């Protein structure tokens, strides 16, 4: 139990540091997702894994940045994406990222330019219609962790 509390404190404090270090302009969207294996659809993902994704959108640069923190993910990491779908189903990829380096626990940051400006506008305006997930093989190729997006 103490390990779980310590891990949660680590994830919360790390996110606070990321938020403080990444000031956003007034037109930027700030979004967060709390990720679990149980949230993965259609099949559950890694049962003891947890994660958090902190996302910023910069409309002027057509850029989306993610800082991903994860813990206890089994297997080899094999993908990181934002999809469009409600919490009850899986959906198509709308923003792909590079695959984070494989590690059971880690932190990954990447900014991508999104050519379709409408996609960024839609994510910023209606983040709860999107989710982010982290895949791992061979155990969770459909997704080890998933979290629905929401504004901070």
N, C-alpha and C. Protein backbone atom coordinates (compact mmCIF):
# COMPACT_ATOMS: atom_id res chain seq x y z
N UNK A 1 0.82 -1.19 0.00
CA UNK A 1 0.00 0.00 0.00
C UNK A 1 0.87 1.26 0.00
N UNK A 2 1.95 1.25 0.80
CA UNK A 2 2.84 2.41 0.86
C UNK A 2 3.49 2.66 -0.49
N UNK A 3 3.83 1.58 -1.23
CA UNK A 3 4.44 1.76 -2.55
C UNK A 3 3.46 2.44 -3.51
N UNK A 4 2.18 2.05 -3.42
CA UNK A 4 1.17 2.65 -4.30
C UNK A 4 0.98 4.13 -3.96
N UNK A 5 0.94 4.46 -2.67
CA UNK A 5 0.80 5.86 -2.25
C UNK A 5 2.01 6.66 -2.71
N UNK A 6 3.21 6.10 -2.53
CA UNK A 6 4.43 6.80 -2.95
C UNK A 6 4.45 7.02 -4.46
N UNK A 7 4.00 6.02 -5.22
CA UNK A 7 3.96 6.15 -6.67
C UNK A 7 2.97 7.23 -7.09
N UNK A 8 1.80 7.26 -6.46
CA UNK A 8 0.80 8.29 -6.77
C UNK A 8 1.33 9.68 -6.45
N UNK A 9 2.02 9.81 -5.30
CA UNK A 9 2.60 11.10 -4.92
C UNK A 9 3.64 11.51 -5.95
N UNK A 10 4.46 10.57 -6.41
CA UNK A 10 5.46 10.85 -7.42
C UNK A 10 4.82 11.34 -8.71
N UNK A 11 3.76 10.67 -9.18
CA UNK A 11 3.10 11.08 -10.41
C UNK A 11 2.47 12.46 -10.27
N UNK A 12 1.83 12.73 -9.13
CA UNK A 12 1.20 14.03 -8.92
C UNK A 12 2.24 15.13 -8.85
N UNK A 13 3.31 14.91 -8.09
CA UNK A 13 4.33 15.95 -7.95
C UNK A 13 5.07 16.17 -9.27
N UNK A 14 5.31 15.13 -10.03
CA UNK A 14 5.97 15.28 -11.32
C UNK A 14 5.12 16.08 -12.29
N UNK A 15 3.82 15.85 -12.27
CA UNK A 15 2.93 16.60 -13.15
C UNK A 15 2.91 18.07 -12.77
N UNK A 16 3.00 18.37 -11.49
CA UNK A 16 3.03 19.77 -11.05
C UNK A 16 4.29 20.45 -11.55
N UNK A 17 5.41 19.74 -11.53
CA UNK A 17 6.65 20.31 -12.04
C UNK A 17 6.55 20.55 -13.54
N UNK A 18 5.97 19.60 -14.28
CA UNK A 18 5.80 19.75 -15.73
C UNK A 18 4.91 20.95 -16.01
N UNK A 19 3.81 21.08 -15.29
CA UNK A 19 2.89 22.19 -15.51
C UNK A 19 3.57 23.52 -15.23
N UNK A 20 4.35 23.58 -14.17
CA UNK A 20 5.03 24.82 -13.82
C UNK A 20 6.13 25.16 -14.83
N UNK A 21 6.75 24.14 -15.41
CA UNK A 21 7.85 24.37 -16.34
C UNK A 21 7.37 24.66 -17.76
N UNK A 22 6.08 24.47 -18.03
CA UNK A 22 5.56 24.64 -19.38
C UNK A 22 4.44 25.66 -19.42
N UNK A 23 4.74 26.93 -19.19
CA UNK A 23 3.67 27.91 -19.21
C UNK A 23 3.04 27.97 -20.59
N UNK A 24 1.71 28.07 -20.63
CA UNK A 24 1.00 28.09 -21.90
C UNK A 24 0.49 29.50 -22.18
N UNK A 25 0.46 29.84 -23.43
CA UNK A 25 -0.12 31.12 -23.82
C UNK A 25 -1.63 31.06 -23.59
N UNK A 26 -2.26 32.21 -23.61
CA UNK A 26 -3.69 32.28 -23.32
C UNK A 26 -4.52 31.42 -24.28
N UNK A 27 -4.06 31.23 -25.53
CA UNK A 27 -4.85 30.47 -26.49
C UNK A 27 -4.52 28.98 -26.49
N UNK A 28 -3.62 28.54 -25.65
CA UNK A 28 -3.27 27.13 -25.58
C UNK A 28 -4.27 26.36 -24.72
N UNK A 29 -4.51 25.12 -25.10
CA UNK A 29 -5.35 24.23 -24.30
C UNK A 29 -4.44 23.40 -23.40
N UNK A 30 -4.86 23.21 -22.17
CA UNK A 30 -4.17 22.33 -21.24
C UNK A 30 -5.11 21.18 -20.92
N UNK A 31 -4.61 19.97 -21.12
CA UNK A 31 -5.44 18.78 -21.04
C UNK A 31 -4.68 17.73 -20.23
N UNK A 32 -5.45 16.88 -19.53
CA UNK A 32 -4.84 15.81 -18.75
C UNK A 32 -5.64 14.52 -18.96
N UNK A 33 -4.99 13.41 -18.78
CA UNK A 33 -5.66 12.11 -18.80
C UNK A 33 -5.03 11.23 -17.73
N UNK A 34 -5.86 10.62 -16.91
CA UNK A 34 -5.42 9.64 -15.93
C UNK A 34 -5.65 8.27 -16.56
N UNK A 35 -4.59 7.47 -16.63
CA UNK A 35 -4.62 6.25 -17.41
C UNK A 35 -4.57 5.00 -16.55
N UNK A 36 -5.41 4.03 -16.91
CA UNK A 36 -5.42 2.72 -16.25
C UNK A 36 -5.59 1.64 -17.30
N UNK A 37 -5.25 0.43 -16.93
CA UNK A 37 -5.49 -0.71 -17.81
C UNK A 37 -6.97 -1.04 -17.89
N UNK A 38 -7.70 -0.84 -16.81
CA UNK A 38 -9.14 -1.15 -16.78
C UNK A 38 -9.92 -0.28 -17.76
N UNK A 39 -9.42 0.91 -18.08
CA UNK A 39 -10.13 1.82 -18.99
C UNK A 39 -9.98 1.42 -20.46
N UNK A 40 -9.05 0.51 -20.76
CA UNK A 40 -8.80 0.13 -22.15
C UNK A 40 -10.01 -0.62 -22.72
N UNK A 41 -10.33 -0.36 -23.99
CA UNK A 41 -11.45 -1.00 -24.68
C UNK A 41 -10.97 -1.52 -26.03
N UNK A 42 -11.49 -2.63 -26.54
CA UNK A 42 -12.58 -3.43 -26.00
C UNK A 42 -12.14 -4.39 -24.90
N UNK A 43 -10.84 -4.70 -24.83
CA UNK A 43 -10.33 -5.60 -23.79
C UNK A 43 -9.57 -4.79 -22.76
N UNK A 44 -9.62 -5.23 -21.49
CA UNK A 44 -8.83 -4.50 -20.49
C UNK A 44 -7.33 -4.62 -20.76
N UNK A 45 -6.60 -3.61 -20.32
CA UNK A 45 -5.15 -3.60 -20.48
C UNK A 45 -4.46 -4.15 -19.25
N UNK A 46 -3.28 -3.65 -18.99
CA UNK A 46 -2.44 -4.10 -17.88
C UNK A 46 -3.12 -3.77 -16.55
N UNK A 47 -3.47 -4.77 -15.73
CA UNK A 47 -4.29 -4.53 -14.55
C UNK A 47 -3.65 -3.69 -13.44
N UNK A 48 -2.33 -3.72 -13.32
CA UNK A 48 -1.71 -2.95 -12.23
C UNK A 48 -0.96 -1.71 -12.71
N UNK A 49 -1.01 -1.44 -14.00
CA UNK A 49 -0.30 -0.28 -14.56
C UNK A 49 -1.13 0.99 -14.36
N UNK A 50 -0.42 2.11 -14.21
CA UNK A 50 -1.08 3.42 -14.11
C UNK A 50 -0.27 4.42 -14.90
N UNK A 51 -0.90 5.53 -15.25
CA UNK A 51 -0.19 6.56 -15.97
C UNK A 51 -0.95 7.86 -15.96
N UNK A 52 -0.26 8.88 -16.46
CA UNK A 52 -0.85 10.21 -16.59
C UNK A 52 -0.24 10.84 -17.82
N UNK A 53 -1.09 11.51 -18.60
CA UNK A 53 -0.63 12.26 -19.76
C UNK A 53 -1.02 13.71 -19.57
N UNK A 54 -0.05 14.60 -19.71
CA UNK A 54 -0.28 16.03 -19.64
C UNK A 54 -0.06 16.55 -21.06
N UNK A 55 -1.07 17.21 -21.63
CA UNK A 55 -1.05 17.62 -23.03
C UNK A 55 -1.26 19.13 -23.12
N UNK A 56 -0.49 19.78 -23.99
CA UNK A 56 -0.73 21.18 -24.31
C UNK A 56 -0.91 21.29 -25.82
N UNK A 57 -1.79 22.19 -26.21
CA UNK A 57 -2.02 22.47 -27.62
C UNK A 57 -1.68 23.93 -27.86
N UNK A 58 -0.86 24.16 -28.87
CA UNK A 58 -0.50 25.50 -29.30
C UNK A 58 -1.10 25.71 -30.68
N UNK A 59 -2.23 26.41 -30.73
CA UNK A 59 -2.92 26.64 -32.01
C UNK A 59 -2.05 27.38 -33.01
N UNK A 60 -1.33 28.38 -32.57
CA UNK A 60 -0.53 29.20 -33.48
C UNK A 60 0.53 28.37 -34.22
N UNK A 61 1.08 27.37 -33.55
CA UNK A 61 2.12 26.54 -34.14
C UNK A 61 1.58 25.20 -34.68
N UNK A 62 0.26 24.98 -34.54
CA UNK A 62 -0.34 23.68 -34.90
C UNK A 62 0.41 22.53 -34.23
N UNK A 63 0.71 22.72 -32.95
CA UNK A 63 1.54 21.77 -32.23
C UNK A 63 0.82 21.22 -31.00
N UNK A 64 0.99 19.92 -30.79
CA UNK A 64 0.47 19.24 -29.61
C UNK A 64 1.66 18.60 -28.91
N UNK A 65 1.81 18.88 -27.62
CA UNK A 65 2.90 18.30 -26.83
C UNK A 65 2.31 17.40 -25.76
N UNK A 66 2.98 16.28 -25.52
CA UNK A 66 2.55 15.35 -24.48
C UNK A 66 3.73 15.06 -23.56
N UNK A 67 3.45 15.02 -22.28
CA UNK A 67 4.37 14.47 -21.30
C UNK A 67 3.64 13.29 -20.67
N UNK A 68 4.19 12.11 -20.86
CA UNK A 68 3.57 10.88 -20.41
C UNK A 68 4.40 10.29 -19.28
N UNK A 69 3.72 9.92 -18.21
CA UNK A 69 4.35 9.21 -17.10
C UNK A 69 3.61 7.89 -16.94
N UNK A 70 4.35 6.81 -16.78
CA UNK A 70 3.70 5.51 -16.60
C UNK A 70 4.48 4.69 -15.60
N UNK A 71 3.78 3.71 -15.02
CA UNK A 71 4.40 2.82 -14.04
C UNK A 71 3.79 1.43 -14.16
N UNK A 72 4.62 0.43 -14.00
CA UNK A 72 4.23 -0.98 -13.96
C UNK A 72 3.61 -1.50 -15.25
N UNK A 73 4.08 -1.03 -16.40
CA UNK A 73 3.57 -1.54 -17.68
C UNK A 73 4.41 -2.75 -18.07
N UNK A 74 3.74 -3.88 -18.27
CA UNK A 74 4.42 -5.12 -18.67
C UNK A 74 4.60 -5.17 -20.18
N UNK A 75 5.68 -5.80 -20.62
CA UNK A 75 5.95 -5.99 -22.04
C UNK A 75 6.83 -4.89 -22.62
N UNK A 76 6.95 -4.90 -23.92
CA UNK A 76 7.73 -3.93 -24.67
C UNK A 76 6.78 -2.87 -25.20
N UNK A 77 7.06 -1.60 -24.92
CA UNK A 77 6.19 -0.53 -25.39
C UNK A 77 6.19 -0.52 -26.92
N UNK A 78 4.98 -0.36 -27.50
CA UNK A 78 4.88 -0.51 -28.95
C UNK A 78 4.04 0.57 -29.63
N UNK A 79 3.55 1.56 -28.89
CA UNK A 79 2.80 2.63 -29.53
C UNK A 79 2.21 3.59 -28.52
N UNK A 80 2.03 4.83 -28.96
CA UNK A 80 1.40 5.88 -28.16
C UNK A 80 0.60 6.74 -29.13
N UNK A 81 -0.72 6.90 -28.85
CA UNK A 81 -1.60 7.61 -29.77
C UNK A 81 -2.71 8.34 -29.03
N UNK A 82 -3.27 9.36 -29.68
CA UNK A 82 -4.55 9.93 -29.28
C UNK A 82 -5.58 9.42 -30.29
N UNK A 83 -6.70 8.94 -29.79
CA UNK A 83 -7.79 8.40 -30.59
C UNK A 83 -9.04 9.21 -30.34
N UNK A 84 -10.02 9.10 -31.21
CA UNK A 84 -11.33 9.68 -30.99
C UNK A 84 -12.32 8.55 -30.72
N UNK A 85 -12.97 8.61 -29.56
CA UNK A 85 -14.01 7.63 -29.18
C UNK A 85 -14.45 7.93 -27.76
N UNK A 86 -15.69 7.56 -27.44
CA UNK A 86 -16.16 7.70 -26.06
C UNK A 86 -15.50 6.65 -25.17
N UNK A 87 -15.70 6.75 -23.87
CA UNK A 87 -15.07 5.84 -22.91
C UNK A 87 -15.45 4.39 -23.13
N UNK A 88 -16.56 4.13 -23.79
CA UNK A 88 -17.08 2.78 -23.94
C UNK A 88 -16.56 2.02 -25.14
N UNK A 89 -15.78 2.66 -26.00
CA UNK A 89 -15.33 1.97 -27.20
C UNK A 89 -13.94 2.44 -27.65
N UNK A 90 -13.40 1.70 -28.60
CA UNK A 90 -12.13 2.08 -29.22
C UNK A 90 -12.42 2.90 -30.46
N UNK A 91 -11.46 3.70 -30.89
CA UNK A 91 -11.67 4.53 -32.07
C UNK A 91 -10.39 4.71 -32.86
N UNK A 92 -10.48 5.39 -33.99
CA UNK A 92 -9.31 5.57 -34.85
C UNK A 92 -8.29 6.55 -34.27
N UNK A 93 -7.05 6.36 -34.68
CA UNK A 93 -5.96 7.25 -34.27
C UNK A 93 -6.12 8.59 -34.97
N UNK A 94 -5.97 9.68 -34.20
CA UNK A 94 -5.99 11.02 -34.80
C UNK A 94 -4.66 11.75 -34.63
N UNK A 95 -3.88 11.38 -33.60
CA UNK A 95 -2.55 11.95 -33.40
C UNK A 95 -1.61 10.83 -32.98
N UNK A 96 -0.66 10.44 -33.85
CA UNK A 96 0.34 9.44 -33.47
C UNK A 96 1.58 10.11 -32.88
N UNK A 97 2.25 9.39 -32.00
CA UNK A 97 3.51 9.83 -31.43
C UNK A 97 4.56 8.76 -31.69
N UNK A 98 5.82 9.11 -31.48
CA UNK A 98 6.87 8.10 -31.48
C UNK A 98 6.60 7.17 -30.30
N UNK A 99 7.07 5.95 -30.42
CA UNK A 99 6.93 5.00 -29.31
C UNK A 99 7.93 5.37 -28.22
N UNK A 100 7.45 5.50 -26.98
CA UNK A 100 8.38 5.79 -25.88
C UNK A 100 9.39 4.65 -25.71
N UNK A 101 10.54 4.95 -25.15
CA UNK A 101 11.52 3.88 -24.89
C UNK A 101 10.92 2.85 -23.93
N UNK A 102 11.16 1.59 -24.21
CA UNK A 102 10.58 0.54 -23.39
C UNK A 102 11.17 0.55 -21.99
N UNK A 103 10.28 0.62 -21.04
CA UNK A 103 10.64 0.55 -19.63
C UNK A 103 9.35 0.28 -18.87
N UNK A 104 9.46 -0.46 -17.80
CA UNK A 104 8.28 -0.75 -16.99
C UNK A 104 7.70 0.53 -16.38
N UNK A 105 8.56 1.47 -16.05
CA UNK A 105 8.18 2.77 -15.50
C UNK A 105 9.01 3.83 -16.20
N UNK A 106 8.38 4.96 -16.54
CA UNK A 106 9.16 5.98 -17.21
C UNK A 106 8.41 7.28 -17.44
N UNK A 107 9.12 8.21 -18.08
CA UNK A 107 8.59 9.51 -18.46
C UNK A 107 9.02 9.75 -19.90
N UNK A 108 8.12 10.28 -20.71
CA UNK A 108 8.38 10.53 -22.12
C UNK A 108 7.75 11.86 -22.50
N UNK A 109 8.46 12.65 -23.31
CA UNK A 109 7.93 13.93 -23.77
C UNK A 109 8.17 14.04 -25.27
N UNK A 110 7.13 14.49 -25.98
CA UNK A 110 7.28 14.72 -27.41
C UNK A 110 6.27 15.79 -27.85
N UNK A 111 6.69 16.62 -28.79
CA UNK A 111 5.81 17.59 -29.44
C UNK A 111 5.71 17.19 -30.90
N UNK A 112 4.48 17.22 -31.43
CA UNK A 112 4.27 16.90 -32.84
C UNK A 112 3.49 18.04 -33.49
N UNK A 113 3.78 18.27 -34.75
CA UNK A 113 3.00 19.21 -35.54
C UNK A 113 1.87 18.43 -36.18
N UNK A 114 0.66 18.94 -36.00
CA UNK A 114 -0.53 18.28 -36.53
C UNK A 114 -0.99 19.08 -37.75
N UNK A 115 -0.90 18.46 -38.92
CA UNK A 115 -1.20 19.16 -40.17
C UNK A 115 -2.67 19.58 -40.25
N UNK A 116 -3.56 18.77 -39.71
CA UNK A 116 -4.98 19.07 -39.77
C UNK A 116 -5.36 19.96 -38.59
N UNK A 117 -5.46 21.25 -38.83
CA UNK A 117 -5.76 22.21 -37.77
C UNK A 117 -7.11 21.94 -37.12
N UNK A 118 -8.06 21.40 -37.88
CA UNK A 118 -9.37 21.08 -37.34
C UNK A 118 -9.27 20.03 -36.23
N UNK A 119 -8.35 19.08 -36.39
CA UNK A 119 -8.16 18.06 -35.35
C UNK A 119 -7.74 18.71 -34.04
N UNK A 120 -6.78 19.61 -34.08
CA UNK A 120 -6.35 20.30 -32.86
C UNK A 120 -7.49 21.12 -32.26
N UNK A 121 -8.21 21.85 -33.10
CA UNK A 121 -9.33 22.65 -32.61
C UNK A 121 -10.38 21.77 -31.93
N UNK A 122 -10.67 20.61 -32.53
CA UNK A 122 -11.67 19.70 -31.96
C UNK A 122 -11.21 19.10 -30.64
N UNK A 123 -9.94 18.72 -30.55
CA UNK A 123 -9.42 18.18 -29.29
C UNK A 123 -9.49 19.25 -28.20
N UNK A 124 -9.09 20.48 -28.54
CA UNK A 124 -9.12 21.57 -27.56
C UNK A 124 -10.54 21.90 -27.12
N UNK A 125 -11.49 21.87 -28.04
CA UNK A 125 -12.87 22.25 -27.72
C UNK A 125 -13.65 21.14 -27.03
N UNK A 126 -13.31 19.88 -27.32
CA UNK A 126 -14.08 18.76 -26.81
C UNK A 126 -13.16 17.60 -26.43
N UNK A 127 -12.25 17.82 -25.46
CA UNK A 127 -11.25 16.79 -25.16
C UNK A 127 -11.85 15.47 -24.68
N UNK A 128 -12.99 15.50 -24.02
CA UNK A 128 -13.58 14.27 -23.49
C UNK A 128 -14.02 13.31 -24.60
N UNK A 129 -14.03 13.75 -25.84
CA UNK A 129 -14.36 12.87 -26.97
C UNK A 129 -13.13 12.09 -27.44
N UNK A 130 -11.98 12.31 -26.81
CA UNK A 130 -10.71 11.70 -27.22
C UNK A 130 -10.08 10.95 -26.05
N UNK A 131 -9.22 10.01 -26.38
CA UNK A 131 -8.44 9.33 -25.36
C UNK A 131 -7.02 9.11 -25.86
N UNK A 132 -6.13 8.90 -24.90
CA UNK A 132 -4.74 8.57 -25.21
C UNK A 132 -4.48 7.17 -24.69
N UNK A 133 -3.72 6.39 -25.44
CA UNK A 133 -3.36 5.07 -24.92
C UNK A 133 -1.93 4.70 -25.29
N UNK A 134 -1.40 3.83 -24.44
CA UNK A 134 -0.03 3.32 -24.56
C UNK A 134 -0.13 1.82 -24.78
N UNK A 135 0.49 1.33 -25.84
CA UNK A 135 0.43 -0.08 -26.20
C UNK A 135 1.72 -0.79 -25.77
N UNK A 136 1.60 -2.09 -25.51
CA UNK A 136 2.79 -2.91 -25.25
C UNK A 136 2.57 -4.30 -25.84
N UNK A 137 3.66 -4.90 -26.28
CA UNK A 137 3.58 -6.25 -26.81
C UNK A 137 4.44 -7.16 -25.96
N UNK A 138 4.19 -8.42 -25.89
CA UNK A 138 3.14 -9.15 -26.58
C UNK A 138 1.81 -9.18 -25.81
N UNK A 139 1.79 -8.71 -24.57
CA UNK A 139 0.61 -8.89 -23.72
C UNK A 139 -0.56 -7.96 -24.04
N UNK A 140 -0.29 -6.71 -24.39
CA UNK A 140 -1.37 -5.72 -24.56
C UNK A 140 -1.22 -4.94 -25.88
N UNK A 141 -1.26 -5.64 -27.02
CA UNK A 141 -1.09 -4.95 -28.30
C UNK A 141 -2.22 -3.95 -28.60
N UNK A 142 -3.41 -4.18 -28.04
CA UNK A 142 -4.52 -3.26 -28.23
C UNK A 142 -4.48 -2.08 -27.29
N UNK A 143 -3.62 -2.14 -26.28
CA UNK A 143 -3.48 -1.05 -25.33
C UNK A 143 -3.26 -1.56 -23.92
N UNK A 144 -2.19 -1.09 -23.30
CA UNK A 144 -1.90 -1.44 -21.90
C UNK A 144 -2.54 -0.44 -20.95
N UNK A 145 -2.57 0.84 -21.36
CA UNK A 145 -3.13 1.94 -20.55
C UNK A 145 -3.97 2.83 -21.43
N UNK A 146 -5.03 3.37 -20.83
CA UNK A 146 -5.90 4.30 -21.57
C UNK A 146 -6.46 5.32 -20.60
N UNK A 147 -6.60 6.55 -21.09
CA UNK A 147 -7.23 7.60 -20.30
C UNK A 147 -7.96 8.56 -21.19
N UNK A 148 -9.20 8.89 -20.83
CA UNK A 148 -9.98 9.88 -21.57
C UNK A 148 -9.43 11.25 -21.26
N UNK A 149 -9.37 12.12 -22.24
CA UNK A 149 -8.83 13.46 -22.07
C UNK A 149 -9.85 14.36 -21.37
N UNK A 150 -9.33 15.35 -20.62
CA UNK A 150 -10.19 16.37 -20.03
C UNK A 150 -9.36 17.62 -19.82
N UNK A 151 -10.03 18.76 -19.86
CA UNK A 151 -9.35 20.05 -19.63
C UNK A 151 -8.92 20.15 -18.18
N UNK A 152 -7.81 20.84 -17.99
CA UNK A 152 -7.35 21.13 -16.62
C UNK A 152 -8.02 22.41 -16.17
